N, C-alpha and C. Protein backbone atom coordinates (compact mmCIF):
# COMPACT_ATOMS: atom_id res chain seq x y z
N MET A 1 -45.75 -51.25 -91.51
CA MET A 1 -45.19 -50.38 -90.56
C MET A 1 -43.87 -50.40 -90.53
N SER A 2 -42.87 -49.25 -90.76
CA SER A 2 -41.59 -49.18 -90.70
C SER A 2 -40.88 -49.39 -89.39
N ILE A 3 -39.62 -49.56 -89.15
CA ILE A 3 -38.86 -49.58 -88.04
C ILE A 3 -38.52 -48.10 -87.59
N ASN A 4 -38.51 -47.84 -86.34
CA ASN A 4 -38.53 -46.66 -85.97
C ASN A 4 -37.25 -46.55 -85.04
N VAL A 5 -36.81 -45.18 -84.80
CA VAL A 5 -35.63 -45.30 -83.88
C VAL A 5 -36.02 -45.59 -82.53
N GLY A 6 -35.15 -46.44 -81.76
CA GLY A 6 -35.37 -46.94 -80.49
C GLY A 6 -35.70 -48.26 -80.92
N ASP A 7 -36.12 -48.95 -81.79
CA ASP A 7 -36.52 -50.25 -82.00
C ASP A 7 -35.47 -51.18 -82.15
N LYS A 8 -35.44 -52.52 -81.77
CA LYS A 8 -34.18 -53.22 -81.91
C LYS A 8 -34.36 -53.53 -83.22
N ALA A 9 -33.38 -53.61 -84.14
CA ALA A 9 -33.02 -53.90 -85.55
C ALA A 9 -33.66 -55.57 -85.75
N PRO A 10 -34.64 -55.62 -86.54
CA PRO A 10 -34.86 -56.94 -87.21
C PRO A 10 -33.83 -57.89 -87.63
N ASP A 11 -33.40 -59.03 -87.21
CA ASP A 11 -32.38 -59.69 -87.84
C ASP A 11 -32.91 -59.99 -89.27
N PHE A 12 -31.80 -60.50 -90.26
CA PHE A 12 -32.05 -61.09 -91.22
C PHE A 12 -30.50 -61.96 -91.81
N THR A 13 -31.05 -62.92 -92.67
CA THR A 13 -30.01 -63.69 -93.41
C THR A 13 -30.30 -63.36 -94.77
N LEU A 14 -29.04 -62.74 -95.47
CA LEU A 14 -29.58 -62.41 -96.97
C LEU A 14 -28.16 -63.23 -97.57
N VAL A 15 -28.04 -63.16 -98.99
CA VAL A 15 -27.15 -63.80 -99.66
C VAL A 15 -26.09 -62.41 -100.32
N THR A 16 -24.77 -62.65 -100.29
CA THR A 16 -23.88 -61.64 -101.06
C THR A 16 -23.37 -62.58 -101.97
N LEU A 17 -22.58 -62.06 -102.74
CA LEU A 17 -21.47 -62.54 -103.42
C LEU A 17 -19.93 -62.29 -103.49
N GLY A 18 -19.50 -63.61 -102.90
CA GLY A 18 -18.00 -63.38 -102.26
C GLY A 18 -17.26 -63.93 -103.12
N SER A 19 -15.92 -63.79 -102.88
CA SER A 19 -14.65 -64.34 -103.72
C SER A 19 -14.88 -65.72 -104.28
N ASN A 20 -15.59 -66.61 -103.45
CA ASN A 20 -15.81 -67.96 -103.76
C ASN A 20 -17.03 -68.28 -104.26
N GLY A 21 -17.97 -67.33 -104.49
CA GLY A 21 -19.42 -67.30 -104.78
C GLY A 21 -20.19 -67.00 -103.82
N PRO A 22 -21.51 -67.40 -103.68
CA PRO A 22 -22.65 -66.80 -102.81
C PRO A 22 -22.32 -67.44 -101.50
N GLU A 23 -22.46 -66.43 -100.90
CA GLU A 23 -22.24 -66.75 -99.09
C GLU A 23 -23.57 -65.80 -98.39
N THR A 24 -23.64 -66.47 -97.25
CA THR A 24 -24.92 -65.88 -96.54
C THR A 24 -24.46 -64.47 -95.65
N PHE A 25 -25.01 -63.64 -95.19
CA PHE A 25 -24.81 -62.39 -94.24
C PHE A 25 -25.88 -62.30 -93.16
N THR A 26 -25.33 -62.52 -92.19
CA THR A 26 -26.57 -62.44 -90.74
C THR A 26 -26.31 -61.33 -90.15
N LEU A 27 -27.23 -60.43 -89.98
CA LEU A 27 -27.19 -58.87 -89.38
C LEU A 27 -26.96 -59.46 -88.01
N SER A 28 -27.19 -60.18 -87.20
CA SER A 28 -26.96 -60.29 -85.65
C SER A 28 -25.72 -60.64 -85.56
N GLU A 29 -24.76 -61.57 -86.74
CA GLU A 29 -23.65 -62.00 -86.46
C GLU A 29 -22.71 -60.59 -86.80
N ALA A 30 -23.09 -59.64 -87.24
CA ALA A 30 -22.33 -58.18 -87.24
C ALA A 30 -22.22 -56.98 -86.80
N ILE A 31 -23.60 -57.27 -85.59
CA ILE A 31 -23.87 -56.23 -84.49
C ILE A 31 -22.93 -56.54 -83.35
N GLY A 32 -22.07 -55.44 -83.00
CA GLY A 32 -21.28 -55.10 -82.16
C GLY A 32 -19.99 -54.93 -82.33
N SER A 33 -19.51 -55.38 -83.46
CA SER A 33 -18.00 -54.91 -83.91
C SER A 33 -18.05 -53.11 -84.38
N LYS A 34 -19.12 -52.89 -85.33
CA LYS A 34 -19.12 -51.68 -85.71
C LYS A 34 -20.41 -51.21 -85.85
N ASN A 35 -20.88 -49.86 -86.08
CA ASN A 35 -22.19 -49.38 -86.28
C ASN A 35 -22.50 -49.74 -87.58
N ILE A 36 -23.76 -49.93 -87.86
CA ILE A 36 -24.00 -50.56 -89.15
C ILE A 36 -25.31 -49.33 -90.01
N VAL A 37 -24.53 -48.96 -91.12
CA VAL A 37 -25.72 -48.35 -91.93
C VAL A 37 -26.39 -49.29 -93.01
N LEU A 38 -27.56 -49.42 -92.99
CA LEU A 38 -28.36 -50.15 -94.18
C LEU A 38 -28.99 -49.40 -95.21
N LEU A 39 -28.72 -49.46 -96.34
CA LEU A 39 -29.23 -48.33 -97.37
C LEU A 39 -30.22 -49.72 -98.19
N PHE A 40 -31.43 -49.22 -98.19
CA PHE A 40 -32.16 -50.18 -98.91
C PHE A 40 -32.41 -49.42 -100.42
N VAL A 41 -32.23 -50.02 -101.64
CA VAL A 41 -32.53 -49.11 -102.73
C VAL A 41 -33.64 -50.04 -103.73
N PRO A 42 -34.58 -49.30 -104.56
CA PRO A 42 -35.37 -50.18 -105.27
C PRO A 42 -34.72 -51.24 -106.29
N MET A 43 -33.50 -51.01 -106.93
CA MET A 43 -33.25 -51.98 -107.78
C MET A 43 -32.11 -51.45 -108.36
N ALA A 44 -30.77 -52.55 -108.81
CA ALA A 44 -29.66 -52.31 -109.45
C ALA A 44 -29.96 -51.90 -110.97
N PHE A 45 -29.09 -51.15 -111.44
CA PHE A 45 -28.77 -50.66 -112.56
C PHE A 45 -29.82 -49.39 -113.11
N THR A 46 -30.16 -48.93 -111.96
CA THR A 46 -31.07 -47.96 -112.23
C THR A 46 -30.35 -46.55 -111.88
N GLY A 47 -30.72 -45.17 -112.26
CA GLY A 47 -29.86 -44.23 -112.08
C GLY A 47 -29.82 -43.37 -110.70
N GLY A 48 -30.68 -43.59 -109.77
CA GLY A 48 -30.87 -43.04 -108.70
C GLY A 48 -29.99 -43.99 -107.87
N CYS A 49 -30.33 -45.18 -107.79
CA CYS A 49 -29.44 -46.19 -107.11
C CYS A 49 -27.97 -46.27 -107.35
N THR A 50 -27.72 -46.40 -108.63
CA THR A 50 -26.09 -46.27 -109.02
C THR A 50 -25.67 -45.00 -108.43
N LYS A 51 -26.40 -43.97 -108.59
CA LYS A 51 -25.41 -42.68 -108.07
C LYS A 51 -25.50 -42.80 -106.46
N GLU A 52 -26.31 -43.12 -105.88
CA GLU A 52 -26.46 -43.30 -104.31
C GLU A 52 -25.06 -44.25 -103.91
N PHE A 53 -25.03 -45.40 -104.57
CA PHE A 53 -24.07 -46.40 -104.13
C PHE A 53 -22.60 -45.83 -104.50
N CYS A 54 -22.43 -45.44 -105.59
CA CYS A 54 -21.55 -44.94 -106.08
C CYS A 54 -20.81 -43.62 -105.27
N ASP A 55 -21.62 -42.81 -104.77
CA ASP A 55 -21.28 -41.87 -103.92
C ASP A 55 -21.04 -42.40 -102.82
N ILE A 56 -21.55 -43.26 -102.29
CA ILE A 56 -21.23 -43.80 -100.93
C ILE A 56 -19.75 -44.54 -101.12
N SER A 57 -19.53 -45.37 -102.00
CA SER A 57 -18.23 -46.04 -102.28
C SER A 57 -17.07 -44.82 -102.53
N GLN A 58 -17.57 -43.78 -103.10
CA GLN A 58 -16.41 -42.87 -103.17
C GLN A 58 -15.89 -42.24 -101.79
N ASN A 59 -16.94 -42.18 -100.95
CA ASN A 59 -16.63 -41.69 -99.57
C ASN A 59 -16.63 -42.62 -98.44
N ILE A 60 -16.35 -43.79 -98.74
CA ILE A 60 -16.52 -44.89 -97.58
C ILE A 60 -15.61 -44.59 -96.59
N SER A 61 -14.31 -43.90 -96.85
CA SER A 61 -13.57 -43.59 -95.93
C SER A 61 -14.42 -42.58 -94.63
N THR A 62 -15.11 -41.99 -95.05
CA THR A 62 -15.91 -40.99 -93.87
C THR A 62 -16.75 -41.99 -93.00
N TYR A 63 -17.13 -42.86 -93.62
CA TYR A 63 -17.99 -43.95 -92.77
C TYR A 63 -17.04 -45.05 -91.93
N ASP A 64 -16.01 -45.35 -92.73
CA ASP A 64 -14.88 -46.04 -91.74
C ASP A 64 -14.28 -45.19 -90.71
N GLN A 65 -13.85 -43.87 -90.62
CA GLN A 65 -13.55 -42.98 -89.50
C GLN A 65 -14.56 -42.75 -88.64
N LEU A 66 -15.87 -43.07 -89.02
CA LEU A 66 -17.25 -42.81 -88.08
C LEU A 66 -17.16 -44.18 -87.35
N ASP A 67 -16.60 -45.37 -87.73
CA ASP A 67 -16.72 -46.82 -87.20
C ASP A 67 -18.09 -47.45 -87.61
N ALA A 68 -18.30 -47.12 -88.96
CA ALA A 68 -19.41 -47.86 -89.36
C ALA A 68 -19.36 -48.58 -90.71
N THR A 69 -20.09 -49.73 -90.83
CA THR A 69 -20.31 -50.47 -92.30
C THR A 69 -21.40 -50.43 -92.94
N VAL A 70 -21.22 -49.88 -93.92
CA VAL A 70 -22.35 -49.54 -94.86
C VAL A 70 -22.70 -50.88 -95.70
N LEU A 71 -24.16 -51.43 -95.64
CA LEU A 71 -24.52 -52.29 -96.46
C LEU A 71 -25.67 -52.00 -97.42
N GLY A 72 -25.61 -52.14 -98.62
CA GLY A 72 -26.51 -51.88 -99.61
C GLY A 72 -27.48 -53.43 -99.81
N ILE A 73 -28.94 -53.02 -99.92
CA ILE A 73 -29.84 -54.11 -99.99
C ILE A 73 -30.77 -53.63 -101.19
N SER A 74 -31.07 -54.69 -102.06
CA SER A 74 -31.88 -54.56 -103.14
C SER A 74 -32.24 -56.10 -103.56
N GLY A 75 -33.50 -56.07 -103.95
CA GLY A 75 -34.25 -57.10 -104.25
C GLY A 75 -33.56 -58.02 -105.55
N ASP A 76 -32.43 -57.38 -105.91
CA ASP A 76 -32.06 -58.19 -107.26
C ASP A 76 -31.25 -59.29 -106.47
N ASN A 77 -30.71 -60.37 -107.57
CA ASN A 77 -30.07 -61.30 -106.93
C ASN A 77 -28.90 -61.23 -107.07
N PRO A 78 -27.88 -61.99 -106.22
CA PRO A 78 -26.18 -61.41 -105.82
C PRO A 78 -25.65 -61.34 -107.18
N PHE A 79 -25.82 -62.35 -108.49
CA PHE A 79 -25.13 -62.22 -109.45
C PHE A 79 -25.32 -60.66 -110.34
N ALA A 80 -26.69 -60.20 -110.41
CA ALA A 80 -26.87 -59.11 -110.87
C ALA A 80 -26.25 -58.01 -110.33
N GLN A 81 -26.40 -58.04 -108.75
CA GLN A 81 -25.75 -57.07 -107.99
C GLN A 81 -24.36 -56.96 -108.25
N ALA A 82 -23.32 -58.40 -108.28
CA ALA A 82 -22.21 -58.28 -108.60
C ALA A 82 -21.78 -57.49 -109.97
N ALA A 83 -22.50 -58.05 -110.95
CA ALA A 83 -22.34 -57.02 -112.25
C ALA A 83 -22.62 -55.87 -112.08
N TRP A 84 -23.56 -55.47 -111.55
CA TRP A 84 -23.64 -53.75 -111.59
C TRP A 84 -22.52 -53.25 -110.56
N ALA A 85 -22.13 -53.83 -109.40
CA ALA A 85 -20.97 -53.42 -108.68
C ALA A 85 -19.86 -53.37 -109.61
N GLU A 86 -19.44 -54.36 -110.22
CA GLU A 86 -18.37 -54.37 -111.20
C GLU A 86 -18.36 -53.15 -112.31
N LYS A 87 -19.71 -53.22 -112.76
CA LYS A 87 -19.65 -51.98 -113.77
C LYS A 87 -19.59 -50.76 -113.39
N GLU A 88 -20.22 -50.24 -112.25
CA GLU A 88 -20.36 -48.92 -111.73
C GLU A 88 -19.24 -48.90 -110.92
N GLY A 89 -18.37 -49.47 -110.48
CA GLY A 89 -17.08 -49.35 -109.22
C GLY A 89 -17.95 -49.27 -108.02
N ILE A 90 -18.85 -49.90 -107.72
CA ILE A 90 -19.53 -49.93 -106.30
C ILE A 90 -18.82 -50.78 -105.37
N THR A 91 -18.09 -50.23 -104.35
CA THR A 91 -17.20 -51.15 -103.60
C THR A 91 -17.93 -51.39 -102.03
N ILE A 92 -19.35 -50.98 -101.68
CA ILE A 92 -19.81 -51.36 -100.50
C ILE A 92 -20.47 -52.86 -100.69
N SER A 93 -20.61 -53.30 -99.53
CA SER A 93 -21.17 -54.93 -99.55
C SER A 93 -22.56 -54.88 -100.14
N LEU A 94 -23.09 -55.57 -100.81
CA LEU A 94 -24.33 -55.78 -101.43
C LEU A 94 -24.99 -56.97 -100.86
N LEU A 95 -26.18 -56.80 -100.51
CA LEU A 95 -26.90 -58.01 -100.05
C LEU A 95 -28.18 -58.16 -100.68
N ALA A 96 -28.42 -59.43 -101.03
CA ALA A 96 -29.49 -59.74 -102.04
C ALA A 96 -30.95 -60.19 -101.41
N ASP A 97 -31.98 -59.42 -101.35
CA ASP A 97 -33.22 -59.56 -100.83
C ASP A 97 -34.04 -60.10 -101.69
N TYR A 98 -33.70 -60.92 -102.61
CA TYR A 98 -34.57 -61.27 -103.64
C TYR A 98 -36.06 -61.95 -102.91
N GLU A 99 -36.18 -62.52 -101.95
CA GLU A 99 -37.61 -62.92 -101.28
C GLU A 99 -38.36 -61.79 -100.62
N HIS A 100 -37.42 -60.58 -100.54
CA HIS A 100 -38.25 -59.38 -100.00
C HIS A 100 -38.21 -59.72 -98.25
N SER A 101 -37.56 -60.60 -97.70
CA SER A 101 -37.81 -60.53 -96.29
C SER A 101 -37.40 -59.63 -95.43
N ALA A 102 -36.16 -59.01 -95.75
CA ALA A 102 -35.54 -57.89 -95.39
C ALA A 102 -36.29 -56.63 -95.34
N THR A 103 -36.80 -56.64 -96.52
CA THR A 103 -37.76 -55.62 -96.90
C THR A 103 -39.02 -55.41 -96.08
N GLU A 104 -39.39 -56.44 -95.78
CA GLU A 104 -40.85 -56.55 -95.26
C GLU A 104 -40.45 -56.51 -94.09
N ALA A 105 -39.43 -56.84 -93.32
CA ALA A 105 -39.40 -56.66 -91.71
C ALA A 105 -38.91 -55.39 -91.32
N TYR A 106 -38.35 -54.85 -92.23
CA TYR A 106 -38.04 -53.41 -91.89
C TYR A 106 -39.07 -52.32 -92.38
N GLY A 107 -40.28 -52.85 -92.75
CA GLY A 107 -41.44 -52.17 -93.25
C GLY A 107 -41.23 -51.27 -94.53
N VAL A 108 -40.52 -51.51 -95.51
CA VAL A 108 -40.06 -50.80 -96.58
C VAL A 108 -40.45 -51.06 -97.80
N ALA A 109 -41.70 -52.02 -98.03
CA ALA A 109 -41.95 -52.71 -99.29
C ALA A 109 -42.73 -51.60 -100.10
N TYR A 110 -42.77 -51.33 -101.26
CA TYR A 110 -43.83 -50.72 -101.89
C TYR A 110 -44.94 -51.81 -102.56
N GLN A 111 -46.19 -51.46 -102.56
CA GLN A 111 -47.29 -52.21 -102.75
C GLN A 111 -47.25 -52.73 -104.37
N SER A 112 -46.91 -51.17 -105.01
CA SER A 112 -46.81 -51.62 -106.39
C SER A 112 -45.84 -50.45 -106.64
N PHE A 113 -44.69 -50.69 -107.08
CA PHE A 113 -43.60 -49.99 -107.58
C PHE A 113 -43.64 -49.10 -109.09
N LEU A 114 -44.11 -47.69 -108.97
CA LEU A 114 -44.19 -46.96 -109.86
C LEU A 114 -45.15 -47.36 -111.10
N PRO A 115 -46.31 -47.89 -110.55
CA PRO A 115 -47.50 -48.31 -111.75
C PRO A 115 -47.74 -47.14 -112.72
N GLU A 116 -47.23 -45.90 -112.58
CA GLU A 116 -47.64 -44.80 -113.43
C GLU A 116 -46.38 -45.20 -114.83
N LYS A 117 -45.33 -45.77 -114.28
CA LYS A 117 -44.24 -46.17 -115.38
C LYS A 117 -44.48 -47.57 -115.65
N ASN A 118 -45.78 -48.21 -115.56
CA ASN A 118 -45.98 -49.74 -115.69
C ASN A 118 -45.03 -50.69 -114.98
N LEU A 119 -44.26 -50.29 -113.99
CA LEU A 119 -43.40 -51.15 -113.10
C LEU A 119 -44.34 -51.37 -111.88
N ILE A 120 -44.90 -52.47 -112.03
CA ILE A 120 -46.09 -52.78 -111.09
C ILE A 120 -45.83 -53.78 -109.95
N MET A 121 -44.60 -54.09 -109.85
CA MET A 121 -43.81 -55.27 -108.94
C MET A 121 -44.02 -54.62 -107.56
N GLY A 122 -44.80 -55.80 -106.77
CA GLY A 122 -44.93 -55.37 -105.07
C GLY A 122 -43.52 -55.93 -104.65
N GLY A 123 -43.35 -55.63 -103.37
CA GLY A 123 -42.23 -56.03 -102.57
C GLY A 123 -40.90 -55.45 -102.73
N VAL A 124 -40.88 -54.09 -103.96
CA VAL A 124 -39.73 -53.46 -104.11
C VAL A 124 -39.37 -52.65 -102.98
N PRO A 125 -38.31 -52.49 -102.44
CA PRO A 125 -37.82 -51.75 -101.64
C PRO A 125 -37.95 -50.29 -101.72
N LYS A 126 -38.50 -49.46 -100.75
CA LYS A 126 -38.47 -47.97 -100.76
C LYS A 126 -36.85 -47.68 -100.53
N ARG A 127 -36.56 -46.51 -101.11
CA ARG A 127 -35.24 -45.76 -100.69
C ARG A 127 -34.97 -45.46 -99.42
N SER A 128 -34.30 -46.22 -98.70
CA SER A 128 -34.41 -45.95 -97.17
C SER A 128 -33.01 -46.22 -96.42
N ALA A 129 -32.89 -45.72 -95.25
CA ALA A 129 -31.56 -45.58 -94.42
C ALA A 129 -31.82 -45.95 -93.24
N PHE A 130 -31.28 -46.86 -92.55
CA PHE A 130 -31.19 -47.15 -90.89
C PHE A 130 -30.05 -47.25 -90.38
N VAL A 131 -29.61 -46.66 -89.43
CA VAL A 131 -28.24 -46.83 -88.58
C VAL A 131 -28.58 -47.55 -87.46
N ILE A 132 -27.65 -48.47 -87.26
CA ILE A 132 -28.03 -49.36 -86.19
C ILE A 132 -26.71 -49.54 -85.21
N ASP A 133 -26.90 -49.20 -84.00
CA ASP A 133 -25.50 -48.89 -83.07
C ASP A 133 -25.15 -50.31 -82.65
N LYS A 134 -24.04 -50.38 -82.14
CA LYS A 134 -23.35 -51.83 -81.81
C LYS A 134 -24.03 -52.76 -80.49
N GLN A 135 -25.42 -52.15 -80.08
CA GLN A 135 -26.21 -52.91 -79.41
C GLN A 135 -27.19 -53.53 -80.42
N GLY A 136 -27.47 -53.08 -81.45
CA GLY A 136 -28.59 -53.78 -82.50
C GLY A 136 -29.88 -52.68 -82.11
N VAL A 137 -29.62 -51.64 -81.67
CA VAL A 137 -30.61 -50.60 -81.70
C VAL A 137 -30.83 -49.47 -82.70
N VAL A 138 -31.94 -49.31 -83.63
CA VAL A 138 -31.93 -48.44 -84.71
C VAL A 138 -31.84 -47.04 -83.79
N GLN A 139 -31.03 -45.91 -84.39
CA GLN A 139 -30.36 -45.00 -83.93
C GLN A 139 -31.18 -43.84 -85.07
N TYR A 140 -31.25 -44.13 -86.33
CA TYR A 140 -31.79 -43.50 -87.33
C TYR A 140 -32.34 -44.11 -88.42
N ALA A 141 -33.67 -43.65 -88.86
CA ALA A 141 -34.47 -44.16 -89.68
C ALA A 141 -35.16 -43.18 -90.63
N GLU A 142 -34.97 -43.57 -91.93
CA GLU A 142 -35.48 -42.70 -92.89
C GLU A 142 -35.77 -43.62 -94.32
N VAL A 143 -37.63 -43.35 -94.42
CA VAL A 143 -38.06 -44.20 -95.60
C VAL A 143 -38.60 -43.05 -96.31
N LEU A 144 -38.13 -43.38 -97.74
CA LEU A 144 -38.55 -42.40 -98.60
C LEU A 144 -39.63 -42.79 -99.65
N GLU A 145 -40.60 -42.06 -99.81
CA GLU A 145 -41.55 -42.60 -100.90
C GLU A 145 -41.45 -42.34 -102.16
N VAL A 146 -40.74 -41.24 -102.51
CA VAL A 146 -40.63 -41.14 -103.97
C VAL A 146 -39.33 -41.74 -104.51
N PRO A 147 -39.12 -42.50 -105.13
CA PRO A 147 -37.65 -43.42 -105.64
C PRO A 147 -36.89 -42.28 -105.87
N SER A 148 -36.91 -41.48 -106.55
CA SER A 148 -35.48 -40.40 -106.76
C SER A 148 -35.19 -39.60 -105.75
N ASP A 149 -35.75 -39.51 -104.64
CA ASP A 149 -35.40 -38.80 -103.33
C ASP A 149 -34.14 -39.68 -102.90
N MET A 150 -33.38 -38.89 -102.11
CA MET A 150 -31.94 -39.48 -101.48
C MET A 150 -32.28 -39.58 -99.90
N PRO A 151 -31.40 -40.24 -99.38
CA PRO A 151 -31.60 -40.12 -97.70
C PRO A 151 -30.66 -38.87 -97.41
N ASP A 152 -30.88 -38.68 -96.41
CA ASP A 152 -30.35 -37.18 -95.72
C ASP A 152 -28.86 -37.90 -95.13
N PHE A 153 -27.67 -37.93 -96.12
CA PHE A 153 -26.70 -38.59 -95.55
C PHE A 153 -25.72 -37.76 -94.21
N GLU A 154 -25.87 -36.42 -94.61
CA GLU A 154 -25.21 -35.35 -93.49
C GLU A 154 -26.07 -35.91 -92.14
N ALA A 155 -27.35 -36.06 -91.95
CA ALA A 155 -27.91 -36.64 -90.86
C ALA A 155 -27.50 -37.67 -90.34
N ILE A 156 -27.00 -38.75 -91.27
CA ILE A 156 -26.83 -39.88 -91.07
C ILE A 156 -25.47 -40.12 -90.33
N GLN A 157 -24.18 -39.32 -91.16
CA GLN A 157 -22.91 -38.87 -90.30
C GLN A 157 -23.41 -38.28 -89.16
N GLN A 158 -24.30 -37.22 -89.28
CA GLN A 158 -24.36 -36.79 -87.32
C GLN A 158 -24.82 -37.86 -86.49
N CYS A 159 -25.41 -38.75 -87.03
CA CYS A 159 -26.20 -39.55 -86.12
C CYS A 159 -24.65 -40.65 -85.33
N LEU A 160 -24.21 -40.97 -86.53
CA LEU A 160 -22.92 -41.71 -86.34
C LEU A 160 -21.75 -41.35 -85.43
N LYS A 161 -21.56 -39.97 -86.04
CA LYS A 161 -20.93 -39.12 -84.80
C LYS A 161 -21.28 -39.23 -83.16
N GLY A 162 -22.69 -39.25 -83.20
CA GLY A 162 -22.95 -39.52 -81.72
C GLY A 162 -22.86 -40.87 -81.00
N LEU A 163 -22.49 -41.44 -81.66
CA LEU A 163 -22.54 -42.67 -81.35
C LEU A 163 -21.10 -43.40 -80.53
């Protein structure tokens, strides 16, 4: 079951690759200073995920003006994410959900990711978007079943404008 609007955002601690190596990021420590946009994607180095995070990176000033921090989450390890970000020019913070704990907490895991293409891995995150306000409450939730579908970024921005 996925998280819905009005729910308290589940806390998590994930790894990101900082300038001095692996660092932990805990959601509850970030709540309160800015609104947060969590973007779950299936996996690094794929077309749709790259397009989504590159588009967000190119338009990050929009989210800055809306007092929001954008965080990208995938099940890849932080070193793969860093290589992906460097190769593609992705500038948003990427969080490695290698053990799928955040994916499961938000209820956005595939049981089997694209079995018709022989990608049968379980636990891969569905492309999803959540807006969390400064009180830690989910104000927007969108979970997509089709990996190539993109979140409604206009709706996300409208939500942020109302906070």
